[in-house]
Every structure is written in structure tokens, then in C-alpha cells.
Protein backbone atom coordinates (compact mmCIF):
# COMPACT_ATOMS: atom_id res chain seq x y z
CA UNK A 1 119.08 3.31 181.97
CA UNK A 2 122.34 5.28 181.93
CA UNK A 3 122.00 8.85 180.60
CA UNK A 4 124.71 8.31 177.99
CA UNK A 5 122.90 5.34 176.53
CA UNK A 6 119.59 7.23 176.51
CA UNK A 7 121.12 10.11 174.60
CA UNK A 8 122.61 7.70 172.05
CA UNK A 9 119.09 6.49 171.30
CA UNK A 10 117.40 9.91 171.20
CA UNK A 11 119.88 11.76 168.98
CA UNK A 12 119.16 9.68 165.79
CA UNK A 13 115.42 10.01 166.41
CA UNK A 14 115.72 13.79 166.82
CA UNK A 15 117.78 14.07 163.61
CA UNK A 16 115.19 12.08 161.67
CA UNK A 17 112.40 14.34 162.97
CA UNK A 18 114.30 17.47 161.93
CA UNK A 19 114.98 16.04 158.48
CA UNK A 20 111.30 15.11 158.00
CA UNK A 21 110.19 18.57 159.12
CA UNK A 22 112.61 20.19 156.69
CA UNK A 23 111.34 17.99 153.87
CA UNK A 24 107.73 19.01 154.53
CA UNK A 25 108.72 22.69 154.70
CA UNK A 26 110.49 22.45 151.32
CA UNK A 27 107.52 20.62 149.82
CA UNK A 28 105.11 23.26 151.11
CA UNK A 29 107.31 26.06 149.75
CA UNK A 30 107.50 24.32 146.37
CA UNK A 31 103.71 23.93 146.26
CA UNK A 32 103.21 27.56 147.22
CA UNK A 33 105.68 28.70 144.57
CA UNK A 34 103.93 26.58 141.94
CA UNK A 35 100.60 28.13 142.87
CA UNK A 36 102.10 31.63 142.70
CA UNK A 37 103.59 30.94 139.28
CA UNK A 38 100.26 29.72 137.89
CA UNK A 39 99.00 32.33 135.40
CA UNK A 40 95.97 34.32 136.41
CA UNK A 41 92.63 33.33 134.91
CA UNK A 42 91.60 35.50 131.96
CA UNK A 43 89.02 38.22 132.40
CA UNK A 44 85.42 37.05 131.77
CA UNK A 45 85.40 38.69 128.33
CA UNK A 46 88.44 36.58 127.34
CA UNK A 47 87.21 33.21 128.69
CA UNK A 48 86.76 31.35 125.41
CA UNK A 49 85.41 28.06 126.78
CA UNK A 50 82.87 29.71 129.09
CA UNK A 51 81.49 32.10 126.47
CA UNK A 52 81.60 29.87 123.41
CA UNK A 53 80.48 26.65 125.06
CA UNK A 54 83.16 24.87 123.02
CA UNK A 55 86.73 23.74 123.35
CA UNK A 56 89.24 26.07 121.74
CA UNK A 57 90.87 24.80 118.56
CA UNK A 58 93.63 26.15 116.34
CA UNK A 59 92.45 28.62 113.71
CA UNK A 60 92.81 27.46 110.10
CA UNK A 61 92.56 30.95 108.55
CA UNK A 62 95.59 33.24 108.81
CA UNK A 63 95.48 36.13 111.25
CA UNK A 64 94.03 39.41 110.03
CA UNK A 65 96.99 41.71 109.18
CA UNK A 66 95.01 44.63 110.63
CA UNK A 67 95.43 43.11 114.10
CA UNK A 68 99.23 43.16 114.06
CA UNK A 69 99.77 46.75 115.23
CA UNK A 70 97.83 46.19 118.46
CA UNK A 71 100.70 44.33 120.08
CA UNK A 72 102.63 41.06 120.00
CA UNK A 73 100.96 38.20 118.13
CA UNK A 74 97.66 37.52 119.88
CA UNK A 75 96.54 34.21 121.27
CA UNK A 76 93.94 33.00 118.74
CA UNK A 77 91.19 30.49 119.48
CA UNK A 78 88.55 29.21 117.06
CA UNK A 79 85.43 27.02 117.20
CA UNK A 80 82.17 26.35 115.39
CA UNK A 81 83.98 25.12 112.27
CA UNK A 82 86.01 28.32 112.19
CA UNK A 83 83.00 30.65 112.32
CA UNK A 84 83.93 31.91 115.81
CA UNK A 85 87.32 33.45 116.53
CA UNK A 86 88.86 35.11 119.55
CA UNK A 87 92.06 37.16 119.33
CA UNK A 88 93.41 37.85 122.82
CA UNK A 89 96.32 40.12 123.74
CA UNK A 90 97.46 39.61 127.31
CA UNK A 91 99.54 42.77 126.72
CA UNK A 92 98.91 45.50 124.18
CA UNK A 93 101.70 47.50 122.52
CA UNK A 94 103.61 49.87 124.78
CA UNK A 95 103.67 53.53 123.67
CA UNK A 96 106.99 54.67 122.29
CA UNK A 97 108.05 51.17 121.21
CA UNK A 98 108.46 50.83 117.45
CA UNK A 99 105.61 48.58 116.30
CA UNK A 100 104.81 48.03 112.60
CA UNK A 101 101.72 50.00 111.65
CA UNK A 102 101.69 52.18 114.77
CA UNK A 103 103.00 55.67 114.13
CA UNK A 104 105.76 56.52 116.57
CA UNK A 105 104.05 59.90 117.01
CA UNK A 106 100.89 58.18 118.27
CA UNK A 107 102.98 56.06 120.62
CA UNK A 108 104.62 59.15 122.06
CA UNK A 109 101.32 61.04 122.41
CA UNK A 110 98.85 58.53 123.73
CA UNK A 111 98.68 55.74 126.32
CA UNK A 112 98.72 52.10 125.24
CA UNK A 113 94.97 51.46 125.74
CA UNK A 114 94.05 54.45 123.56
CA UNK A 115 96.03 53.10 120.61
CA UNK A 116 94.70 49.56 121.09
CA UNK A 117 91.14 50.90 121.38
CA UNK A 118 91.51 52.77 118.08
CA UNK A 119 93.17 49.84 116.28
CA UNK A 120 90.51 47.37 117.42
CA UNK A 121 87.75 49.62 116.06
CA UNK A 122 89.61 49.96 112.78
CA UNK A 123 90.09 46.20 112.46
CA UNK A 124 86.44 45.60 113.34
CA UNK A 125 85.22 48.20 110.84
CA UNK A 126 83.57 50.05 113.72
CA UNK A 127 85.44 53.34 113.32
CA UNK A 128 85.42 56.09 114.32
CA UNK A 129 86.20 54.97 117.82
CA UNK A 130 85.10 57.20 120.69
CA UNK A 131 88.17 58.68 122.37
CA UNK A 132 89.74 56.59 125.11
CA UNK A 133 89.07 58.08 128.53
CA UNK A 134 91.85 58.10 131.13
CA UNK A 135 89.19 57.44 133.80
CA UNK A 136 88.31 54.06 132.26
CA UNK A 137 89.58 50.83 133.79
CA UNK A 138 88.17 49.15 130.68
CA UNK A 139 85.55 49.47 127.97
CA UNK A 140 83.98 47.39 125.24
CA UNK A 141 81.88 47.75 122.11
CA UNK A 142 79.70 45.42 120.05
CA UNK A 143 79.48 45.92 116.29
CA UNK A 144 77.20 44.18 113.80
CA UNK A 145 77.15 44.12 110.02
CA UNK A 146 75.72 42.00 107.22
CA UNK A 147 78.90 39.90 107.12
CA UNK A 148 79.13 39.09 110.80
CA UNK A 149 79.26 40.18 114.42
CA UNK A 150 82.20 41.51 116.38
CA UNK A 151 82.88 42.45 120.00
CA UNK A 152 86.01 44.23 121.19
CA UNK A 153 87.32 45.20 124.59
CA UNK A 154 90.32 46.79 126.32
CA UNK A 155 90.80 46.58 130.08
CA UNK A 156 93.38 46.95 132.85
CA UNK A 157 94.75 43.59 134.00
CA UNK A 158 95.35 42.69 137.65
CA UNK A 159 99.05 43.57 137.42
CA UNK A 160 98.35 47.04 136.02
CA UNK A 161 99.07 46.26 132.36
CA UNK A 162 96.47 46.45 129.58
CA UNK A 163 94.82 43.56 127.76
CA UNK A 164 92.52 43.40 124.75
CA UNK A 165 90.25 41.02 122.84
CA UNK A 166 88.43 40.91 119.53
CA UNK A 167 85.65 38.36 119.04
CA UNK A 168 84.34 37.58 115.54
CA UNK A 169 81.34 35.45 114.62
CA UNK A 170 80.14 34.58 111.13
CA UNK A 171 76.69 32.97 111.60
CA UNK A 172 76.05 29.53 110.09
CA UNK A 173 73.70 29.16 107.15
CA UNK A 174 71.52 26.52 108.81
CA UNK A 175 68.73 27.95 110.96
CA UNK A 176 69.13 25.48 113.86
CA UNK A 177 72.91 25.83 114.01
CA UNK A 178 72.67 29.60 113.71
CA UNK A 179 70.17 29.75 116.58
CA UNK A 180 72.46 27.65 118.82
CA UNK A 181 75.43 29.88 117.97
CA UNK A 182 73.37 33.02 118.60
CA UNK A 183 72.58 31.86 122.12
CA UNK A 184 76.28 31.60 122.95
CA UNK A 185 77.07 34.85 121.12
CA UNK A 186 74.69 36.61 123.51
CA UNK A 187 77.00 35.49 126.33
CA UNK A 188 79.84 37.32 124.55
CA UNK A 189 77.63 40.39 124.10
CA UNK A 190 76.62 40.40 127.76
CA UNK A 191 80.24 40.12 128.90
CA UNK A 192 81.23 43.01 126.62
CA UNK A 193 78.34 45.22 127.69
CA UNK A 194 79.03 44.49 131.34
CA UNK A 195 82.55 45.85 130.87
CA UNK A 196 81.26 48.83 128.89
CA UNK A 197 78.51 49.68 131.40
CA UNK A 198 81.13 49.97 134.14
CA UNK A 199 82.99 52.71 132.23
CA UNK A 200 81.95 56.23 133.31
CA UNK A 201 80.50 58.43 130.59
CA UNK A 202 82.85 61.02 129.09
CA UNK A 203 82.05 64.68 129.63
CA UNK A 204 80.71 66.51 126.62
CA UNK A 205 80.18 70.07 125.45
CA UNK A 206 79.52 71.79 122.10
CA UNK A 207 83.24 72.47 121.71
CA UNK A 208 84.23 68.89 122.54
CA UNK A 209 81.63 67.66 120.06
CA UNK A 210 83.25 69.82 117.39
CA UNK A 211 86.62 68.34 118.35
CA UNK A 212 85.19 64.82 118.00
CA UNK A 213 84.14 65.69 114.45
CA UNK A 214 87.47 67.31 113.60
CA UNK A 215 89.60 64.45 114.98
CA UNK A 216 87.48 61.54 113.72
CA UNK A 217 89.44 58.58 112.42
CA UNK A 218 92.57 59.25 114.49
CA UNK A 219 93.82 57.72 117.75
CA UNK A 220 92.74 60.06 120.56
CA UNK A 221 92.17 60.24 124.28
CA UNK A 222 90.43 62.35 126.93
CA UNK A 223 92.07 63.14 130.26
CA UNK A 224 89.85 65.38 132.35
CA UNK A 225 89.37 68.64 130.42
CA UNK A 226 92.26 67.84 128.05
CA UNK A 227 91.82 66.06 124.72
CA UNK A 228 94.87 64.53 123.02
CA UNK A 229 95.32 63.29 119.46
CA UNK A 230 97.74 63.21 116.53
CA UNK A 231 97.44 65.72 113.71
CA UNK A 232 99.81 66.55 110.88
CA UNK A 233 102.53 64.43 112.47
CA UNK A 234 102.40 66.24 115.82
CA UNK A 235 101.14 65.43 119.32
CA UNK A 236 98.26 67.84 119.89
CA UNK A 237 96.41 68.71 123.08
CA UNK A 238 93.18 70.70 123.38
CA UNK A 239 92.49 72.44 126.68
CA UNK A 240 88.95 73.82 126.85
CA UNK A 241 87.31 76.29 129.19
CA UNK A 242 83.80 75.59 127.89
CA UNK A 243 81.23 78.39 128.06
CA UNK A 244 82.63 80.25 131.03
CA UNK A 245 81.83 83.99 131.14
CA UNK A 246 84.57 86.25 129.83
CA UNK A 247 85.44 89.91 130.44
CA UNK A 248 86.48 90.26 126.82
CA UNK A 249 84.23 92.16 124.46
CA UNK A 250 84.53 90.61 121.03
CA UNK A 251 81.90 90.95 118.30
CA UNK A 252 80.05 87.96 116.86
CA UNK A 253 79.67 89.57 113.42
CA UNK A 254 82.74 89.61 111.21
CA UNK A 255 81.61 93.02 109.94
CA UNK A 256 82.02 94.48 113.44
CA UNK A 257 85.58 93.23 113.97
CA UNK A 258 87.95 96.20 114.04
CA UNK A 259 91.72 96.26 113.50
CA UNK A 260 92.32 98.56 116.46
CA UNK A 261 90.49 96.12 118.73
CA UNK A 262 92.69 93.26 117.58
CA UNK A 263 95.79 95.39 118.11
CA UNK A 264 94.67 96.16 121.65
CA UNK A 265 94.11 92.48 122.36
CA UNK A 266 97.60 91.65 121.11
CA UNK A 267 99.08 94.26 123.45
CA UNK A 268 97.26 92.62 126.39
CA UNK A 269 98.51 89.15 125.40
CA UNK A 270 102.08 90.38 125.01
CA UNK A 271 102.01 91.93 128.47
CA UNK A 272 100.58 88.73 129.97
CA UNK A 273 103.23 86.53 128.30
CA UNK A 274 106.41 88.61 127.89
CA UNK A 275 108.57 85.56 127.07
CA UNK A 276 106.40 84.41 124.18
CA UNK A 277 107.59 84.44 120.57
CA UNK A 278 104.51 85.44 118.54
CA UNK A 279 104.14 83.35 115.40
CA UNK A 280 100.67 84.73 114.68
CA UNK A 281 99.43 87.77 116.60
CA UNK A 282 95.80 88.13 117.65
CA UNK A 283 93.91 87.95 114.35
CA UNK A 284 90.53 87.35 112.75
CA UNK A 285 90.41 83.81 111.38
CA UNK A 286 89.37 83.49 107.75
CA UNK A 287 85.97 81.81 107.22
CA UNK A 288 86.17 78.10 106.50
CA UNK A 289 82.80 77.84 104.75
CA UNK A 290 82.90 79.89 101.57
CA UNK A 291 79.81 81.97 100.94
CA UNK A 292 78.38 81.34 104.41
CA UNK A 293 77.63 84.11 106.88
CA UNK A 294 79.46 82.63 109.84
CA UNK A 295 80.44 84.45 112.98
CA UNK A 296 83.83 85.94 113.76
CA UNK A 297 86.54 83.70 115.20
CA UNK A 298 89.79 85.06 116.65
CA UNK A 299 93.10 83.29 117.23
CA UNK A 300 96.75 83.72 118.12
CA UNK A 301 99.75 81.37 117.93
CA UNK A 302 102.97 81.68 119.92
CA UNK A 303 106.00 79.71 121.05
CA UNK A 304 107.06 79.70 124.67
CA UNK A 305 109.40 77.23 126.36
CA UNK A 306 108.93 73.63 125.15
CA UNK A 307 105.54 74.30 123.53
CA UNK A 308 103.98 76.03 120.57
CA UNK A 309 100.44 77.10 121.51
CA UNK A 310 97.35 78.45 119.85
CA UNK A 311 94.39 80.20 121.42
CA UNK A 312 90.90 80.33 119.93
CA UNK A 313 88.09 82.73 120.84
CA UNK A 314 84.54 82.10 119.51
CA UNK A 315 82.02 84.83 120.46
CA UNK A 316 78.49 83.46 120.84
CA UNK A 317 75.78 84.98 118.70
CA UNK A 318 73.41 85.64 121.61
CA UNK A 319 76.10 87.55 123.50
CA UNK A 320 76.12 85.03 126.37
CA UNK A 321 79.88 84.68 126.39
CA UNK A 322 82.94 83.51 124.49
CA UNK A 323 83.97 79.91 123.93
CA UNK A 324 87.72 79.56 124.41
CA UNK A 325 90.13 76.77 123.68
CA UNK A 326 93.88 76.43 123.81
CA UNK A 327 95.87 74.01 121.69
CA UNK A 328 99.44 72.97 122.34
CA UNK A 329 102.12 70.84 120.67
CA UNK A 330 105.86 70.29 121.17
CA UNK A 331 107.83 73.33 120.02
CA UNK A 332 109.65 71.21 117.43
CA UNK A 333 106.34 70.71 115.59
CA UNK A 334 106.25 74.37 114.57
CA UNK A 335 103.24 76.54 113.75
CA UNK A 336 101.65 74.49 110.95
CA UNK A 337 100.01 71.66 112.98
CA UNK A 338 98.47 74.15 115.41
CA UNK A 339 97.14 76.34 112.59
CA UNK A 340 95.66 73.32 110.79
CA UNK A 341 94.06 72.01 114.00
CA UNK A 342 92.52 75.41 114.76
CA UNK A 343 91.06 75.61 111.26
CA UNK A 344 89.64 72.07 111.46
CA UNK A 345 88.10 72.79 114.87
CA UNK A 346 86.49 76.01 113.67
CA UNK A 347 85.14 74.30 110.57
CA UNK A 348 83.56 71.55 112.66
CA UNK A 349 82.09 74.18 115.00
CA UNK A 350 80.53 76.10 112.10
CA UNK A 351 79.01 72.94 110.59
CA UNK A 352 77.38 72.01 113.91
CA UNK A 353 76.45 75.39 115.33
CA UNK A 354 76.24 77.93 112.54
């Protein structure tokens, strides 16, 4: 067969093969893109069908207004004749974004999961919430009361954002139905506790315990040895040195505190921080419990650079050392929030330890 005639037969066949190959490539790319666009499966704690044993239905009751500040409107699922409800936020509110019910100060001070964690506890009636820990990839809590059961959780999603859920169950009146529901509710409890058990325990100390008492009821977070919360409209941070030994010699008894000693301490502080503007020089803090023989507490407040700071010294009664803590806030907040936070911390310390 002549070469020219052979080529005339092969060229159309080759073109058809190329076209078919291109079609399959486009189809494969389309399938791959569709798979990539498919939303990720929810975390186990948010899998309504698996945990409830029922198909999700629309909720007849309106959403709890207390849930609004956590973020955009949650995805709500109900079952068991409305006795079981799941509110699921694929994304919680972002700090700094104006959200009704979330103080802009809290948004500026704390990360998104800390605010969501606090709001979920408030909505569930399980406050005060333990402070959110920056080391957590997620945590959960189960709360029970006479009116019903609740489980809440906050966790880091696969893409690095934060998600949250709140489960609510109001047990049925009938014994058989209630027992069936309770079996599925235990699946919710196990999923929540599994998430909570994976969260490392937060460090504690007598001073941090006093801070927990003083800051109860407010959004707050722990980040290493720094505790953050909102007080008197200001972003506050507590930096603690625990019970480390100190070279200072400060008396435990208020009766032994001398003016010349405090003056000498102020001279040392001024030499150490020559750029500081002293709002309150080294002083003896007034007792917070009237009529009680509490130990001496010393403090100082100053402004330096972008911060206003306060230092607290608490001599231990047995002479084993001095507990120290430093508080800081943005300079624009002024002296008042630091002074109030120091007083609240000292009061909580005295209630627990004196």
C-alpha cells in the first residue's frame, strides 16, 4: 500500500485517540475536583446520626439566644420528638470581629476558642468555665441538671480553624423511651470525654488557684505561665513566678513593715527601671478582709512603653520565700484596672490561704 494512502488512514485514527484521551483526562480531573470540593466529615462529637441513632430533623423550637454570640448561626439538628438537639458551629467567632454579645475587649484579648469555651459554658449553665489552655487542640465537658443533660466541646478543625458543639437532651417521661435515649446519650458522653481526656491538664499553683477564684465568670485563657482575662474593661495578663526563692527580705506581719524599708525598695525599683513612670510607688497594700489578721502584701504600679504594669509581693508566713506576680495591661487602660485586679487577687489569696 502506498505510504501516502496509509497516512491518510492513520491520521483520523490518531486524532480520535488523542480526543478520547483528552476526554478521559478532563473527566478524571473533574472527578478529582469534585472529591476535593466535598466537605470534610464532621468530628466524631458532631456526628449527629452516629451518636443519636436517628435521622436529623429540623428543630421546631427557636434557637437559644444565648448561643448567638458564639459565632454565625449554628447548624441545628433535632430528634427524639425535639428532646435531643445539636447546635454545631463549623467556625466560631473570630476575635476582634464585632459580634453581638461578645465584648470587643474580650475579642481583642483572647483567642476564638477561649471565648467560645466560655460562652458554651454560660449557655449550658455550667459556669464558671475552666480557663481555655493554649496547649489544647480541643476539650469538652458534660453537665447534668434536674432539667436535662448537656455536652459541649471546642476543637481545632483539620484546616486550622475552630469548631464547637452543644448537645442538649431532655429525657422522656416514659421509662422505656428514656432508657433507649439514655443508651444513645452515653455515646455522646463518651465522644465528649474522649476529646476531654486528650487535653493535657493545666498547671496549677496556690497563686493560680487564687487567680481562678478572682477571675471566675469571665472569659479567660492560660498560655504557659501567663494567664489572660478581661477585667474592668481592660485586657489583663498575669505573669507568675510561683514560689521561687527571693533575695528580698520582706516581713510577713503588717506590724513589722517599715516605711524606710519600702522607700529603699522603691529606690531599687527605680534604678532597675529608669524609664518607668511610677503611678504607685512600692507600698503596703491595705487589708481586704476587715478585722482579719492577714499578712502583709506589697505592690507597685508603673507605666513603661505600651504597658501599665503592677507587681505584687506576698511574703509567706513560714519564711520560706515570697510569692510574686506581675500584672500588665495596655497603657491606655490606665492604673485603675491593674489596681482592682491586684486587690481581687490578694483577696482571693487571703480567703484561700490566710
